[in-house]
Amino acid sequence: MTASFLPGSPLNLRRSAMKNSLVRIGGVEGELVKRALTALIRPSSHQQRRRAAFEPRPSRLSIMSKTDDS
């Protein structure tokens, strides 16, 4: 998962600020850019499925260190 998909990431906050400032522009151009930025902010359905199915696994390093302890 990249930082851009985290809800409070600086990139997301910057995009939200850009989107909010463009709302004031109005007109067709502002609406098109607003729609494009909204699509960038919103994670794709594929990314949402991957996040929901995520199962943390032990790292290779932790597995190796456990076998050394035995």
N, C-alpha and C. Protein backbone atom coordinates (compact mmCIF):
# COMPACT_ATOMS: atom_id res chain seq x y z
N MET A 1 0.86 -1.18 0.00
CA MET A 1 0.00 0.00 0.00
C MET A 1 0.90 1.23 0.00
N THR A 2 0.62 2.16 -0.86
CA THR A 2 1.42 3.36 -0.96
C THR A 2 0.89 4.44 -0.05
N ALA A 3 1.72 5.43 0.19
CA ALA A 3 1.33 6.50 1.11
C ALA A 3 0.16 7.31 0.58
N SER A 4 0.00 7.35 -0.72
CA SER A 4 -1.07 8.17 -1.27
C SER A 4 -2.46 7.64 -0.94
N PHE A 5 -2.58 6.38 -0.53
CA PHE A 5 -3.89 5.82 -0.21
C PHE A 5 -4.21 5.92 1.27
N LEU A 6 -3.27 6.36 2.07
CA LEU A 6 -3.55 6.52 3.49
C LEU A 6 -4.43 7.74 3.68
N PRO A 7 -5.45 7.64 4.55
CA PRO A 7 -6.41 8.75 4.68
C PRO A 7 -5.77 10.07 5.08
N GLY A 8 -4.80 10.08 5.98
CA GLY A 8 -4.22 11.32 6.46
C GLY A 8 -2.88 11.65 5.85
N SER A 9 -2.53 11.04 4.74
CA SER A 9 -1.21 11.26 4.15
C SER A 9 -1.09 12.69 3.63
N PRO A 10 0.12 13.23 3.65
CA PRO A 10 0.32 14.61 3.16
C PRO A 10 -0.10 14.76 1.70
N LEU A 11 0.12 13.73 0.88
CA LEU A 11 -0.27 13.82 -0.53
C LEU A 11 -1.78 13.94 -0.66
N ASN A 12 -2.52 13.16 0.12
CA ASN A 12 -3.98 13.24 0.09
C ASN A 12 -4.46 14.61 0.56
N LEU A 13 -3.84 15.13 1.62
CA LEU A 13 -4.24 16.44 2.13
C LEU A 13 -3.98 17.52 1.10
N ARG A 14 -2.85 17.41 0.39
CA ARG A 14 -2.53 18.39 -0.64
C ARG A 14 -3.54 18.32 -1.78
N ARG A 15 -3.90 17.10 -2.18
CA ARG A 15 -4.88 16.95 -3.26
C ARG A 15 -6.24 17.51 -2.84
N SER A 16 -6.61 17.26 -1.58
CA SER A 16 -7.89 17.78 -1.10
C SER A 16 -7.88 19.31 -1.10
N ALA A 17 -6.77 19.89 -0.68
CA ALA A 17 -6.67 21.35 -0.67
C ALA A 17 -6.75 21.91 -2.09
N MET A 18 -6.09 21.21 -3.04
CA MET A 18 -6.16 21.65 -4.44
C MET A 18 -7.58 21.57 -4.95
N LYS A 19 -8.25 20.47 -4.62
CA LYS A 19 -9.63 20.28 -5.08
C LYS A 19 -10.53 21.37 -4.52
N ASN A 20 -10.38 21.67 -3.23
CA ASN A 20 -11.22 22.69 -2.60
C ASN A 20 -10.96 24.07 -3.18
N SER A 21 -9.71 24.37 -3.51
CA SER A 21 -9.41 25.69 -4.09
C SER A 21 -9.96 25.79 -5.51
N LEU A 22 -10.01 24.67 -6.23
CA LEU A 22 -10.52 24.69 -7.60
C LEU A 22 -12.04 24.83 -7.65
N VAL A 23 -12.71 24.46 -6.56
CA VAL A 23 -14.16 24.59 -6.53
C VAL A 23 -14.55 26.05 -6.72
N ARG A 24 -13.73 26.95 -6.20
CA ARG A 24 -14.02 28.38 -6.30
C ARG A 24 -13.86 28.91 -7.72
N ILE A 25 -13.07 28.21 -8.55
CA ILE A 25 -12.87 28.66 -9.93
C ILE A 25 -14.19 28.63 -10.68
N GLY A 26 -14.93 27.53 -10.49
CA GLY A 26 -16.21 27.40 -11.16
C GLY A 26 -16.03 27.11 -12.64
N GLY A 27 -17.12 27.06 -13.34
CA GLY A 27 -17.06 26.81 -14.77
C GLY A 27 -16.77 25.35 -15.09
N VAL A 28 -16.69 25.07 -16.36
CA VAL A 28 -16.47 23.70 -16.83
C VAL A 28 -15.07 23.21 -16.47
N GLU A 29 -14.07 24.09 -16.61
CA GLU A 29 -12.69 23.69 -16.34
C GLU A 29 -12.52 23.27 -14.89
N GLY A 30 -13.06 24.07 -13.98
CA GLY A 30 -12.95 23.74 -12.56
C GLY A 30 -13.63 22.43 -12.23
N GLU A 31 -14.77 22.18 -12.86
CA GLU A 31 -15.51 20.94 -12.62
C GLU A 31 -14.73 19.73 -13.13
N LEU A 32 -14.12 19.87 -14.30
CA LEU A 32 -13.34 18.75 -14.86
C LEU A 32 -12.12 18.43 -14.00
N VAL A 33 -11.42 19.47 -13.57
CA VAL A 33 -10.24 19.26 -12.73
C VAL A 33 -10.65 18.70 -11.38
N LYS A 34 -11.76 19.19 -10.85
CA LYS A 34 -12.25 18.68 -9.56
C LYS A 34 -12.56 17.19 -9.66
N ARG A 35 -13.20 16.79 -10.75
CA ARG A 35 -13.54 15.38 -10.94
C ARG A 35 -12.28 14.52 -11.07
N ALA A 36 -11.28 15.03 -11.79
CA ALA A 36 -10.02 14.29 -11.96
C ALA A 36 -9.30 14.13 -10.63
N LEU A 37 -9.26 15.20 -9.83
CA LEU A 37 -8.59 15.12 -8.53
C LEU A 37 -9.34 14.19 -7.58
N THR A 38 -10.66 14.19 -7.64
CA THR A 38 -11.44 13.29 -6.79
C THR A 38 -11.13 11.84 -7.13
N ALA A 39 -10.97 11.54 -8.42
CA ALA A 39 -10.63 10.18 -8.83
C ALA A 39 -9.25 9.79 -8.32
N LEU A 40 -8.32 10.76 -8.25
CA LEU A 40 -6.99 10.47 -7.73
C LEU A 40 -7.02 10.19 -6.23
N ILE A 41 -7.86 10.92 -5.52
CA ILE A 41 -7.93 10.77 -4.06
C ILE A 41 -8.57 9.44 -3.69
N ARG A 42 -9.62 9.05 -4.41
CA ARG A 42 -10.38 7.85 -4.06
C ARG A 42 -9.63 6.60 -4.49
N PRO A 43 -9.39 5.65 -3.57
CA PRO A 43 -8.72 4.41 -3.97
C PRO A 43 -9.61 3.58 -4.89
N SER A 44 -8.99 2.83 -5.78
CA SER A 44 -9.74 2.01 -6.73
C SER A 44 -10.40 0.85 -6.00
N SER A 45 -11.38 0.23 -6.64
CA SER A 45 -12.06 -0.92 -6.03
C SER A 45 -11.07 -2.07 -5.86
N HIS A 46 -10.12 -2.19 -6.81
CA HIS A 46 -9.09 -3.23 -6.68
C HIS A 46 -8.26 -3.01 -5.42
N GLN A 47 -7.86 -1.76 -5.19
CA GLN A 47 -7.05 -1.44 -4.01
C GLN A 47 -7.85 -1.69 -2.73
N GLN A 48 -9.15 -1.38 -2.74
CA GLN A 48 -9.98 -1.61 -1.56
C GLN A 48 -10.11 -3.10 -1.27
N ARG A 49 -10.25 -3.93 -2.32
CA ARG A 49 -10.32 -5.39 -2.12
C ARG A 49 -9.01 -5.93 -1.57
N ARG A 50 -7.89 -5.43 -2.10
CA ARG A 50 -6.58 -5.88 -1.61
C ARG A 50 -6.41 -5.53 -0.13
N ARG A 51 -6.83 -4.33 0.23
CA ARG A 51 -6.70 -3.89 1.62
C ARG A 51 -7.57 -4.73 2.55
N ALA A 52 -8.78 -5.06 2.11
CA ALA A 52 -9.70 -5.86 2.93
C ALA A 52 -9.19 -7.28 3.10
N ALA A 53 -8.51 -7.81 2.09
CA ALA A 53 -8.03 -9.20 2.13
C ALA A 53 -6.63 -9.31 2.74
N PHE A 54 -6.07 -8.20 3.19
CA PHE A 54 -4.70 -8.21 3.71
C PHE A 54 -4.58 -9.06 4.96
N GLU A 55 -3.60 -9.96 4.97
CA GLU A 55 -3.30 -10.77 6.15
C GLU A 55 -1.81 -10.64 6.43
N PRO A 56 -1.46 -10.03 7.57
CA PRO A 56 -0.04 -9.87 7.87
C PRO A 56 0.64 -11.22 8.09
N ARG A 57 1.83 -11.36 7.57
CA ARG A 57 2.60 -12.59 7.74
C ARG A 57 3.91 -12.23 8.41
N PRO A 58 4.50 -13.18 9.14
CA PRO A 58 5.81 -12.89 9.74
C PRO A 58 6.87 -12.70 8.65
N SER A 59 7.79 -11.81 8.90
CA SER A 59 8.84 -11.55 7.91
C SER A 59 9.83 -12.70 7.87
N ARG A 60 10.60 -12.77 6.79
CA ARG A 60 11.61 -13.82 6.68
C ARG A 60 12.64 -13.68 7.79
N LEU A 61 12.96 -12.46 8.16
CA LEU A 61 13.94 -12.24 9.23
C LEU A 61 13.44 -12.79 10.55
N SER A 62 12.16 -12.55 10.87
CA SER A 62 11.64 -13.06 12.15
C SER A 62 11.57 -14.58 12.15
N ILE A 63 11.26 -15.19 11.00
CA ILE A 63 11.24 -16.65 10.92
C ILE A 63 12.64 -17.21 11.12
N MET A 64 13.64 -16.58 10.49
CA MET A 64 15.02 -17.05 10.63
C MET A 64 15.52 -16.89 12.05
N SER A 65 15.16 -15.79 12.70
CA SER A 65 15.64 -15.58 14.07
C SER A 65 14.97 -16.55 15.04
N LYS A 66 13.74 -16.97 14.76
CA LYS A 66 13.08 -17.96 15.62
C LYS A 66 13.74 -19.32 15.49
N THR A 67 14.19 -19.69 14.28
CA THR A 67 14.85 -21.00 14.11
C THR A 67 16.22 -20.99 14.75
N ASP A 68 16.89 -19.82 14.81
CA ASP A 68 18.20 -19.73 15.46
C ASP A 68 18.07 -19.88 16.97
N ASP A 69 16.94 -19.46 17.54
CA ASP A 69 16.75 -19.54 18.99
C ASP A 69 16.58 -20.97 19.47
N SER A 70 16.11 -21.87 18.62
CA SER A 70 15.82 -23.25 19.02
C SER A 70 17.07 -24.02 19.35
